[in-house]
Protein backbone atom coordinates (compact mmCIF):
# COMPACT_ATOMS: atom_id res chain seq x y z
CA UNK A 1 140.17 56.64 146.44
CA UNK A 2 137.56 58.88 148.19
CA UNK A 3 138.14 61.53 151.18
CA UNK A 4 135.79 63.58 152.98
CA UNK A 5 134.89 66.31 151.11
CA UNK A 6 131.12 66.54 152.23
CA UNK A 7 131.04 70.24 153.62
CA UNK A 8 133.27 71.45 150.19
CA UNK A 9 130.45 69.24 147.94
CA UNK A 10 127.85 71.46 149.68
CA UNK A 11 129.01 74.68 149.00
CA UNK A 12 129.80 73.55 145.07
CA UNK A 13 126.05 72.46 145.07
CA UNK A 14 124.97 76.22 146.36
CA UNK A 15 127.35 77.63 144.05
CA UNK A 16 126.05 76.37 141.26
CA UNK A 17 122.49 77.47 141.87
CA UNK A 18 123.51 81.51 142.54
CA UNK A 19 127.24 81.91 140.48
CA UNK A 20 126.88 82.11 137.08
CA UNK A 21 128.48 79.48 134.91
CA UNK A 22 130.79 81.49 132.52
CA UNK A 23 132.69 82.30 135.42
CA UNK A 24 134.10 78.81 136.49
CA UNK A 25 136.05 76.34 134.61
CA UNK A 26 135.22 73.54 136.99
CA UNK A 27 138.42 70.98 138.08
CA UNK A 28 137.74 69.58 141.71
CA UNK A 29 135.33 70.73 144.30
CA UNK A 30 137.92 71.98 146.45
CA UNK A 31 136.39 74.82 149.15
CA UNK A 32 139.33 76.83 150.85
CA UNK A 33 139.28 77.43 154.51
CA UNK A 34 142.71 78.44 154.94
CA UNK A 35 146.59 78.53 153.80
CA UNK A 36 150.09 78.68 154.32
CA UNK A 37 152.99 79.30 152.05
CA UNK A 38 152.69 76.26 149.49
CA UNK A 39 149.94 74.32 151.54
CA UNK A 40 146.07 75.22 151.57
CA UNK A 41 142.86 73.03 153.56
CA UNK A 42 140.42 73.02 152.31
CA UNK A 43 136.47 73.09 154.60
CA UNK A 44 136.67 69.35 155.26
CA UNK A 45 140.16 69.61 156.65
CA UNK A 46 141.84 67.69 153.86
CA UNK A 47 145.47 69.97 153.12
CA UNK A 48 147.05 70.02 149.54
CA UNK A 49 150.57 71.39 147.91
CA UNK A 50 149.44 73.93 145.88
CA UNK A 51 151.53 73.42 142.30
CA UNK A 52 149.16 76.54 140.73
CA UNK A 53 149.42 79.46 142.71
CA UNK A 54 145.50 79.82 142.35
CA UNK A 55 146.64 80.85 138.54
CA UNK A 56 149.84 82.17 139.31
CA UNK A 57 148.26 84.88 141.73
CA UNK A 58 149.97 83.60 144.98
CA UNK A 59 153.58 84.04 144.19
CA UNK A 60 154.54 85.04 147.38
CA UNK A 61 151.84 82.36 148.72
CA UNK A 62 149.26 81.88 150.91
CA UNK A 63 148.73 84.24 153.66
CA UNK A 64 152.45 85.64 154.05
CA UNK A 65 152.34 87.40 157.14
CA UNK A 66 154.45 90.70 155.43
CA UNK A 67 151.58 90.88 152.80
CA UNK A 68 149.08 90.59 155.52
CA UNK A 69 150.50 93.27 158.15
CA UNK A 70 150.42 95.55 155.34
CA UNK A 71 147.03 94.48 154.65
CA UNK A 72 146.01 95.04 158.28
CA UNK A 73 147.96 98.29 158.82
CA UNK A 74 146.35 99.90 155.77
CA UNK A 75 142.59 98.93 156.67
CA UNK A 76 143.17 100.42 160.35
CA UNK A 77 143.93 103.94 158.88
CA UNK A 78 141.42 103.79 155.60
CA UNK A 79 140.14 101.79 152.89
CA UNK A 80 139.96 103.72 150.15
CA UNK A 81 139.64 107.79 149.16
CA UNK A 82 138.59 108.52 145.56
CA UNK A 83 142.29 108.48 143.85
CA UNK A 84 140.45 109.38 140.63
CA UNK A 85 140.22 113.01 141.72
CA UNK A 86 142.59 113.38 144.48
CA UNK A 87 145.86 111.45 146.00
CA UNK A 88 147.19 108.56 148.30
CA UNK A 89 150.72 108.06 149.05
CA UNK A 90 150.46 103.75 148.65
CA UNK A 91 149.81 104.39 145.03
CA UNK A 92 152.39 106.59 144.74
CA UNK A 93 154.75 105.00 146.09
CA UNK A 94 154.12 101.82 144.42
CA UNK A 95 154.18 103.42 140.76
CA UNK A 96 157.71 104.51 141.94
CA UNK A 97 158.58 100.93 142.74
CA UNK A 98 157.18 99.41 139.41
CA UNK A 99 159.29 102.17 137.24
CA UNK A 100 162.18 100.63 139.20
CA UNK A 101 161.79 97.15 138.44
CA UNK A 102 160.41 97.03 135.14
CA UNK A 103 163.23 96.80 132.01
CA UNK A 104 164.58 99.93 130.17
CA UNK A 105 165.89 102.86 131.45
CA UNK A 106 164.05 105.68 129.79
CA UNK A 107 161.41 107.40 131.75
CA UNK A 108 158.11 105.87 132.71
CA UNK A 109 154.52 106.18 133.97
CA UNK A 110 151.70 104.17 135.47
CA UNK A 111 148.46 103.29 134.89
CA UNK A 112 146.41 101.39 137.46
CA UNK A 113 143.06 99.13 136.71
CA UNK A 114 141.65 96.05 138.76
CA UNK A 115 142.62 93.31 136.63
CA UNK A 116 144.79 92.06 133.61
CA UNK A 117 141.79 92.48 131.52
CA UNK A 118 141.38 96.11 132.10
CA UNK A 119 145.34 96.08 131.60
CA UNK A 120 144.73 94.74 128.01
CA UNK A 121 141.83 97.24 127.20
CA UNK A 122 144.18 100.17 128.39
CA UNK A 123 147.34 99.64 126.45
CA UNK A 124 144.82 99.18 123.08
CA UNK A 125 143.84 103.07 123.83
CA UNK A 126 147.50 103.76 124.37
CA UNK A 127 148.54 102.65 121.89
CA UNK A 128 146.00 103.84 119.20
CA UNK A 129 146.21 107.30 121.22
CA UNK A 130 149.89 107.56 120.73
CA UNK A 131 151.05 106.29 117.67
CA UNK A 132 147.57 107.67 115.86
CA UNK A 133 146.86 104.41 114.19
CA UNK A 134 144.27 102.09 114.45
CA UNK A 135 145.37 98.70 113.89
CA UNK A 136 146.54 96.02 116.65
CA UNK A 137 148.44 92.48 116.04
CA UNK A 138 147.79 89.30 118.80
CA UNK A 139 148.74 86.10 118.45
CA UNK A 140 146.34 82.89 117.66
CA UNK A 141 147.03 80.74 121.11
CA UNK A 142 146.71 84.40 123.23
CA UNK A 143 144.91 84.76 126.16
CA UNK A 144 144.74 88.36 127.31
CA UNK A 145 141.36 88.48 129.59
CA UNK A 146 137.49 88.58 129.23
CA UNK A 147 136.70 92.39 129.12
CA UNK A 148 136.23 93.26 125.26
CA UNK A 149 138.97 94.30 123.94
CA UNK A 150 141.21 91.38 126.16
CA UNK A 151 138.43 88.87 124.72
CA UNK A 152 139.34 91.03 121.42
CA UNK A 153 143.07 90.42 121.34
CA UNK A 154 142.47 86.69 122.81
CA UNK A 155 142.31 84.01 120.18
CA UNK A 156 142.37 80.62 122.11
CA UNK A 157 138.88 79.60 123.04
CA UNK A 158 135.79 79.92 120.90
CA UNK A 159 133.41 80.13 123.81
CA UNK A 160 134.75 83.41 124.57
CA UNK A 161 133.79 84.61 121.30
CA UNK A 162 130.28 83.27 120.64
CA UNK A 163 127.20 85.14 120.58
CA UNK A 164 128.92 88.64 121.85
CA UNK A 165 129.75 89.73 118.79
CA UNK A 166 130.56 92.02 117.35
CA UNK A 167 133.99 92.74 118.97
CA UNK A 168 136.07 95.31 118.38
CA UNK A 169 137.26 96.18 114.82
CA UNK A 170 140.84 96.06 113.41
CA UNK A 171 142.61 93.57 115.72
CA UNK A 172 144.77 90.55 113.89
CA UNK A 173 146.33 87.67 114.82
CA UNK A 174 149.14 85.95 113.61
CA UNK A 175 150.63 82.65 114.20
CA UNK A 176 152.33 82.48 117.81
CA UNK A 177 155.98 80.31 117.14
CA UNK A 178 155.33 77.06 118.92
CA UNK A 179 158.19 74.95 118.08
CA UNK A 180 156.81 71.79 119.25
CA UNK A 181 153.24 72.76 117.43
CA UNK A 182 154.75 74.25 114.47
CA UNK A 183 151.73 75.88 112.37
CA UNK A 184 153.65 75.34 108.93
CA UNK A 185 154.66 71.89 109.86
CA UNK A 186 158.34 72.51 110.12
CA UNK A 187 161.12 70.86 112.53
CA UNK A 188 163.57 73.17 114.17
CA UNK A 189 166.45 71.54 111.74
CA UNK A 190 164.13 73.02 108.77
CA UNK A 191 162.74 75.73 110.36
CA UNK A 192 163.40 79.10 108.30
CA UNK A 193 161.09 81.22 110.65
CA UNK A 194 157.83 81.09 108.17
CA UNK A 195 156.03 82.07 111.24
CA UNK A 196 157.65 85.12 110.85
CA UNK A 197 157.71 85.23 107.11
CA UNK A 198 154.01 85.28 107.57
CA UNK A 199 153.57 88.59 109.29
CA UNK A 200 155.97 90.21 106.85
CA UNK A 201 153.69 88.57 103.81
CA UNK A 202 150.43 89.91 105.98
CA UNK A 203 151.66 93.51 105.67
CA UNK A 204 153.02 92.84 101.92
CA UNK A 205 149.57 92.38 101.34
CA UNK A 206 146.54 93.43 103.68
CA UNK A 207 147.45 94.83 106.85
CA UNK A 208 149.61 98.41 105.77
CA UNK A 209 151.93 98.34 108.62
CA UNK A 210 151.99 102.07 108.75
CA UNK A 211 148.47 101.94 110.56
CA UNK A 212 149.70 99.53 112.95
CA UNK A 213 149.78 100.77 116.58
CA UNK A 214 151.03 97.80 118.15
CA UNK A 215 152.28 94.05 118.53
CA UNK A 216 150.66 92.69 121.76
CA UNK A 217 152.24 89.55 122.92
CA UNK A 218 152.83 86.84 125.72
CA UNK A 219 156.69 86.65 126.16
CA UNK A 220 155.80 83.24 127.15
CA UNK A 221 152.16 82.03 126.05
CA UNK A 222 150.37 80.76 129.38
CA UNK A 223 147.54 79.56 128.18
CA UNK A 224 149.02 78.02 125.23
CA UNK A 225 151.00 75.46 127.10
CA UNK A 226 153.99 78.09 128.25
CA UNK A 227 155.82 78.42 124.76
CA UNK A 228 158.37 79.92 124.45
CA UNK A 229 159.39 81.75 121.00
CA UNK A 230 163.40 81.34 120.06
CA UNK A 231 165.18 84.24 120.46
CA UNK A 232 165.84 85.22 116.70
CA UNK A 233 162.14 85.37 116.59
CA UNK A 234 161.85 87.96 119.06
CA UNK A 235 164.99 89.74 118.23
CA UNK A 236 163.29 90.32 114.55
CA UNK A 237 159.69 90.78 115.64
CA UNK A 238 160.91 93.54 118.22
CA UNK A 239 163.71 95.16 115.49
CA UNK A 240 160.54 94.97 112.94
CA UNK A 241 158.61 96.85 115.43
CA UNK A 242 161.33 99.75 115.55
CA UNK A 243 161.46 99.88 112.15
CA UNK A 244 158.24 100.23 111.23
CA UNK A 245 157.05 102.48 114.23
CA UNK A 246 154.58 100.33 115.59
CA UNK A 247 154.36 100.14 119.81
CA UNK A 248 155.95 96.60 121.02
CA UNK A 249 153.53 95.60 123.97
CA UNK A 250 153.91 92.58 126.45
CA UNK A 251 151.34 91.09 128.60
CA UNK A 252 153.22 90.01 131.83
CA UNK A 253 150.04 89.35 134.02
CA UNK A 254 150.55 85.64 134.65
CA UNK A 255 154.47 85.33 133.82
CA UNK A 256 155.54 88.38 135.70
CA UNK A 257 156.76 89.06 139.64
CA UNK A 258 159.57 86.64 139.25
CA UNK A 259 157.84 83.88 138.07
CA UNK A 260 160.01 82.80 135.39
CA UNK A 261 163.57 83.36 137.27
CA UNK A 262 163.38 87.09 136.18
CA UNK A 263 161.12 90.07 137.53
CA UNK A 264 159.42 89.54 134.00
CA UNK A 265 159.64 87.05 131.51
CA UNK A 266 160.07 89.31 128.60
CA UNK A 267 163.97 90.09 130.30
CA UNK A 268 164.64 86.36 128.82
CA UNK A 269 165.22 87.69 125.69
CA UNK A 270 166.94 91.05 126.34
CA UNK A 271 164.25 93.44 124.98
CA UNK A 272 163.15 96.63 126.46
CA UNK A 273 159.02 96.70 125.27
CA UNK A 274 157.59 100.05 125.40
CA UNK A 275 154.40 98.86 127.67
CA UNK A 276 153.85 95.93 129.80
CA UNK A 277 151.00 94.84 131.20
CA UNK A 278 150.69 93.31 134.85
CA UNK A 279 147.88 91.86 137.09
CA UNK A 280 147.58 88.46 138.84
CA UNK A 281 150.47 88.38 141.48
CA UNK A 282 151.22 92.07 141.71
CA UNK A 283 148.94 91.85 145.12
CA UNK A 284 149.14 88.74 146.15
CA UNK A 285 145.79 87.77 145.31
CA UNK A 286 144.02 91.24 145.69
CA UNK A 287 142.19 92.95 142.68
CA UNK A 288 145.05 95.08 141.06
CA UNK A 289 146.56 95.89 137.54
CA UNK A 290 149.06 97.77 136.54
CA UNK A 291 150.26 99.03 132.70
CA UNK A 292 153.60 100.50 132.57
CA UNK A 293 155.01 102.27 129.84
CA UNK A 294 156.95 105.19 128.36
CA UNK A 295 156.01 108.64 129.79
CA UNK A 296 155.18 109.75 126.44
CA UNK A 297 153.09 106.77 125.64
CA UNK A 298 150.87 107.26 128.90
CA UNK A 299 150.29 110.73 128.58
CA UNK A 300 148.92 110.95 125.24
CA UNK A 301 145.82 109.32 126.43
CA UNK A 302 143.73 111.99 127.70
CA UNK A 303 141.46 112.14 131.39
CA UNK A 304 139.38 110.21 132.15
CA UNK A 305 139.94 107.41 129.33
CA UNK A 306 141.24 105.16 131.48
CA UNK A 307 140.37 106.20 134.83
CA UNK A 308 138.53 103.86 137.82
CA UNK A 309 136.93 104.42 140.82
CA UNK A 310 138.81 102.09 142.89
CA UNK A 311 141.91 102.52 140.41
CA UNK A 312 145.36 101.73 142.40
CA UNK A 313 143.38 101.05 146.00
CA UNK A 314 145.39 101.94 148.81
CA UNK A 315 144.65 98.41 150.59
CA UNK A 316 145.75 96.89 147.45
CA UNK A 317 148.83 98.85 146.66
CA UNK A 318 150.18 97.93 149.77
CA UNK A 319 150.09 94.61 149.41
CA UNK A 320 151.45 95.25 145.97
CA UNK A 321 154.27 96.89 147.82
CA UNK A 322 154.77 94.21 150.23
CA UNK A 323 154.94 91.75 147.64
CA UNK A 324 157.93 93.62 145.95
CA UNK A 325 159.40 93.49 149.19
CA UNK A 326 158.97 90.06 149.73
CA UNK A 327 159.80 88.57 146.55
CA UNK A 328 163.05 90.90 146.75
CA UNK A 329 164.32 90.36 150.74
CA UNK A 330 163.37 86.49 150.41
CA UNK A 331 165.48 86.27 147.10
CA UNK A 332 162.58 84.75 145.60
CA UNK A 333 163.33 85.44 141.31
CA UNK A 334 166.39 83.65 142.59
CA UNK A 335 164.91 80.64 144.25
CA UNK A 336 162.31 80.25 141.54
CA UNK A 337 164.96 80.18 138.89
CA UNK A 338 167.18 77.46 140.82
CA UNK A 339 164.30 75.42 141.84
CA UNK A 340 162.33 75.61 138.20
CA UNK A 341 165.83 73.97 136.84
CA UNK A 342 165.50 71.34 139.32
CA UNK A 343 161.69 70.46 138.29
CA UNK A 344 162.47 70.59 134.67
CA UNK A 345 165.08 68.09 135.40
CA UNK A 346 163.24 65.76 137.42
CA UNK A 347 160.36 65.99 134.79
CA UNK A 348 162.86 64.88 132.05
CA UNK A 349 163.67 61.94 133.78
CA UNK A 350 159.97 60.93 133.81
CA UNK A 351 160.18 62.38 130.08
CA UNK A 352 162.68 59.26 129.39
CA UNK A 353 160.91 56.95 131.55
CA UNK A 354 157.67 57.65 130.16
CA UNK A 355 156.40 57.91 126.32
CA UNK A 356 153.48 59.55 127.59
CA UNK A 357 155.26 63.03 128.13
CA UNK A 358 156.19 64.55 124.80
CA UNK A 359 157.92 67.84 126.01
CA UNK A 360 158.52 69.44 128.87
CA UNK A 361 159.40 73.30 128.97
CA UNK A 362 159.12 76.72 130.94
CA UNK A 363 161.28 79.05 133.02
CA UNK A 364 161.92 79.49 136.05
CA UNK A 365 158.28 78.06 138.56
CA UNK A 366 156.00 78.35 135.02
CA UNK A 367 156.55 74.75 133.61
CA UNK A 368 154.42 72.97 130.88
CA UNK A 369 154.61 68.65 130.90
CA UNK A 370 152.52 67.75 127.56
CA UNK A 371 150.91 64.47 127.47
CA UNK A 372 150.82 62.92 124.05
CA UNK A 373 149.15 59.50 122.88
CA UNK A 374 152.32 59.29 120.31
CA UNK A 375 155.35 61.11 120.49
CA UNK A 376 155.55 60.81 116.42
CA UNK A 377 152.29 62.26 115.76
CA UNK A 378 151.95 64.75 118.78
CA UNK A 379 148.48 63.78 119.49
CA UNK A 380 147.19 65.09 122.62
CA UNK A 381 146.39 63.06 125.33
CA UNK A 382 143.17 64.92 126.93
CA UNK A 383 142.20 62.03 128.91
CA UNK A 384 145.68 61.23 130.57
CA UNK A 385 145.62 64.99 131.68
CA UNK A 386 142.14 65.36 133.51
CA UNK A 387 143.15 61.55 135.12
CA UNK A 388 146.29 62.32 136.65
CA UNK A 389 145.47 65.57 137.88
CA UNK A 390 141.89 64.13 139.18
CA UNK A 391 144.37 61.29 141.08
CA UNK A 392 147.40 64.18 142.08
CA UNK A 393 143.80 65.91 143.39
CA UNK A 394 142.87 62.94 145.61
CA UNK A 395 146.16 62.31 146.20
CA UNK A 396 147.03 65.80 147.94
CA UNK A 397 148.36 67.89 145.22
CA UNK A 398 146.43 70.60 143.64
CA UNK A 399 147.37 70.32 140.04
CA UNK A 400 145.15 71.76 137.02
CA UNK A 401 145.82 70.99 133.25
CA UNK A 402 145.44 73.57 130.18
CA UNK A 403 145.12 73.76 126.33
CA UNK A 404 143.77 70.07 126.96
CA UNK A 405 147.06 68.32 127.70
CA UNK A 406 149.27 70.28 129.93
CA UNK A 407 150.20 69.79 132.78
CA UNK A 408 150.27 73.45 134.62
CA UNK A 409 153.43 73.56 137.17
CA UNK A 410 153.34 77.01 138.71
CA UNK A 411 153.70 76.60 142.87
CA UNK A 412 153.84 79.76 145.06
CA UNK A 413 157.61 80.84 144.70
CA UNK A 414 158.05 80.32 148.42
CA UNK A 415 157.91 76.62 147.81
CA UNK A 416 160.49 74.64 149.42
CA UNK A 417 162.17 71.98 147.54
CA UNK A 418 160.94 69.48 150.51
CA UNK A 419 157.33 70.44 149.27
CA UNK A 420 158.24 70.10 145.68
CA UNK A 421 160.18 66.65 146.13
CA UNK A 422 156.44 65.50 147.86
CA UNK A 423 154.49 67.04 145.00
CA UNK A 424 156.54 65.36 142.18
CA UNK A 425 156.98 62.32 143.69
CA UNK A 426 152.97 62.04 143.86
CA UNK A 427 152.90 63.36 140.27
CA UNK A 428 155.22 60.62 138.97
CA UNK A 429 153.23 57.60 141.09
CA UNK A 430 150.13 59.32 139.45
CA UNK A 431 151.38 58.53 135.89
CA UNK A 432 152.47 55.20 136.84
CA UNK A 433 149.08 54.50 137.78
CA UNK A 434 147.72 56.26 134.71
CA UNK A 435 149.51 54.23 132.46
CA UNK A 436 148.43 50.89 134.51
CA UNK A 437 144.95 52.00 134.06
CA UNK A 438 144.78 52.08 137.45
CA UNK A 439 142.53 55.62 137.23
CA UNK A 440 138.83 54.97 136.83
CA UNK A 441 136.97 57.44 134.11
CA UNK A 442 135.11 59.07 137.48
CA UNK A 443 137.38 62.03 136.72
CA UNK A 444 136.17 62.38 133.22
CA UNK A 445 132.53 63.33 135.26
CA UNK A 446 133.94 65.57 137.55
CA UNK A 447 136.80 67.78 135.43
CA UNK A 448 135.78 70.23 133.12
CA UNK A 449 138.71 72.43 133.08
CA UNK A 450 139.10 74.92 129.84
């Protein structure tokens, strides 16, 4: 199934000569020309339904007119002013809005940055400065970004860590509560929260809890495959943090801003964290991150310990203000919740028909479809993920996979039910073609992914 991608291929070839390999995880030779809503067009005129929102960045879709207008209005006035020394109103306005939409009735303040990665670096500094403790706990399978602090927190790819050590000291990793692939080989009916007991054992034997500044967690582990911890685990973990004087920090970079049918995924668990990190979708594609935390935590760090020359750039903050307004005015949080349930139901119907699908999970428009060779052994079917995503691209649906075998389904929150139905029809057609052996091995040569 060939398509005209001549211009795209030419640009990809030029890219390979001048762009660092470390900054690319190649899936398909798509070079974007334009986009609108959930539809994008490449340089050769091919159109696609976007089912991954540029890695969960474009929650408001491609080129939302209100976001574009906000950007244009700000650019007409000025592009940047040194907010590390003086002030701009859009930054203040956005900070006020963020303190309102984040969970918790306590007084909050905001630190701005450029990406989710520097946000994760920032919370390490905040936690250590506020608690006067040094140790940080993160989770195996977590992805927090690519700056040194974020890589030190992450534990999902050896390639992130090879040849660049030493990484930050005093960071420890615990098993993520992954019930589908339990690290302790337990089933739900026999689970005694061994993963939580492991952390308590660590506190009793080699990590003094009084030296732990913070536990940093993705409430829904995105790059691990949209894994949702049990409510009981989250409640016990949060209680442990309160008992031990440990800050509970959540990374909402991928799952925030309405993506899961709540403003932030931690809200599904009824927990108010001490600190929230956000990025990706906050400014609908412009580079911006934010840390929102209790006032006393933010003010424990002294200037210029988390200061960036273009922090809270007014063009980016105006885009973020418009992003929040669009999500509120168009009721995209509610839309994500309703449409997400519809999509999960359709995937679960596919699961009933195709043994290839081992699990369907997620919240809102953040859904993982796990492909396995055998439902009993749960052996990952990476080849299926590669070939299915490749054929979907050939048919006009942009869908990628992560964690080797999990279809990453994260369309823009503005996607319509009609567009969803068309995309899911193509995905199901492609699953049938894979099962029937109709997809060639060409995909294996092109698609690299994570």
